Amino acid sequence: MAGFRYLALVCVVLTLSVISAQIPGQGRHNQGQGRHNQGQGRHNQGQGRPNQGQGNRGQGIPGQGFPGQGFPGQGIPGQGIPGQGIPGQGRPNQGQGNQGQGNQGQGNQGPTQGHSINPKYERFLNFIKLPSFPSLNPTSYIPDLLGADCLTKPAWPGLKTFQFPCKTNSTSGAVPTNVHLLRPGDIKVIGAMGDSLTAASGAGACLLPQLAFEYRGKSFSHGGDQTYEKVPSIANILKKFNPNLKGFGTGTGRWDSKNAGMSVGFPGDLSKDMTLQAERLVKKMRSNPAIDFQNDWKLVTLLIGANDLCDWCKNNRLYSPKAYVDNVMAALKILQQKLPRTLVNVVGVLNVPEVGVLRGPVCDAFHLLFCDCAMFLNNKDKAKFTQVTQDYQRLLETRIKSGELDSKPDFTAVLQPFLHKTRVPLTMKGEPDISYFSPDCFHLSSKGHATAAIGLWNNMMEPVGTKKTAWVPGSRLSCPTRGKPYIFTNVNSKKGFQPGRIGNLYKSSSAGFSINKQSSLHLVIIGALVVSLFASFQALN
């Protein structure tokens, strides 16, 4: 056991060493390489060995090397004790008086180049101090390294049984022709689009190497492992209403594996990749002989945006809220055009900095790796990032509700906001509950996916305008009722909606449907011509 603990400690040290090696100026730039330690006032820290370098004021190559080069004038150029140090240190550019020191890079050379350490790494260095290391006991890092929840609850949620509370006769009898009359039992095919949250990266992981696996059978939106009682998911809920459901994922695998079913989610993808995913999904469904492409009703769930937000600070134009929403809408219009009989759940993006409350050396390292833009922020920067996230959510919701995706009777998209204000759950002690996350403290565990699935399903059962904007761990699953048997959409959520008059909605221009005022005007003109011709015929007689 002692050897195992030592190995775990070595792993932690190596992880942090790799990070440290990537931080400019940390342990590699203090060797007289012509960078002057970025004007930090120590002049390459050649102290402690006076008169090395032959004893004649910096012989060797006194004052040479690359005097004043590197990044002259950075940090606090030429400050500290310019030209001092301890003369004769035998390393170029050290203790050279006025040769390249002090007067070189005095504000006119590169004054706008900033601090020598990249700001995001500086934030990390400031943030990773004592709060990240709860004790000096090496064994305290082992649960963090391996996955504490997996060690203490290795079979979750296998040890827990979820009760399914709904009656499963929610079908339309005859297959509906209108998406706004769609009941859970009418859905024959399930699909999914998105990034690592859709692919369920690390959802079943106990050890760090298992983070490389995509546990598609546990995905909240399309996983089909076991049953709802053991693995709550949208697919396993729908299987209660229709045991012949097709398209769900099982086990592990990439998007193009047989196990992936009708999911094309790909870890690391951005909103701009959704048009490609839309084309892939259409091709997958069209080529699957088990799917009646034209007649089967399909439910597709799309969740994207976390990776856009994680790159926003690097290019706030490319990853602006407008660019994000335009990308998502372009993908949805491909589905609208090419995928008949489809309802799309569009899940609003979550507030990424929320996971920053999960702390520890491994958590800190993965947070920096996956989303340095959103982590280790001061209050001002965190407020700015949160505002950008809210703009993503608000603009997407506005576009989805606009009616531009409601122009066909067999297609619609609905914004499901249950992640908008979701926070990391707390334990009974009031501490962040790591059991909802995989060992990287970033992606959801199987427990997190189960909670997300119930949150999404309950959104589907709530009218537009009254949907919950946060998941509530332990929530009871909502069920369709006799009075409200349909999956709620923008159209059937409206006050006064009458299923028997659904056809009339497509004659109204106000809802953005196919028969508009121009078409109605044409009918009036034709009618007037017919009446005129009839009157003329009567006059001739």
Foldseek 3Di string as FASTA:
>chain_A
DVVVLVVLLVVLVVLVVVVQVPWPLRPPPLQLQQCLSFQPQCRSVLADDAQAQPNDFQHPPELDNNQQDDQAQEDPHQDRPWLDHHGNSNGYRPNRRPRSHNPRNNCPRNNPPYHRTDVLVVLLVVPCPDVQPVDPDSNVCVCLQQPVCCVVPVQVPQVFFDDDDADQQLQDVPQDPFQQFGFLLQAAEEEEEEALLQQCQQQNGRHPVSSRWRAQLLRQAAHVPDACGGRNHLNRSSCSNPVNHFFGAHGTDACPDPRNGLYHYYHPDALLCLLVNLVVSLVRQVPDPVHPQARHAYEYEYEHDPNLLLCCVVPVVCSALVNSLVSNVNNQVSCLVRGFQYEYEYEQYALQLLLQLDHHSLLSSLCCVRRSQNHSDDPVSNVVSLVRSVSNRVVNQCVLLQLQQVADRRYHYAYAQARHPEHQDADPVRGRDQQQPRSNSRHGHSLVSNQVSQLRQVSQQDAPPPRHNHGDPPDDRDYADPVGRHRYDSQCSDPPDDPVCVVVVQCDPSNVYDNYPVNVVVVVVVVVVVVVVVVVVVVVD
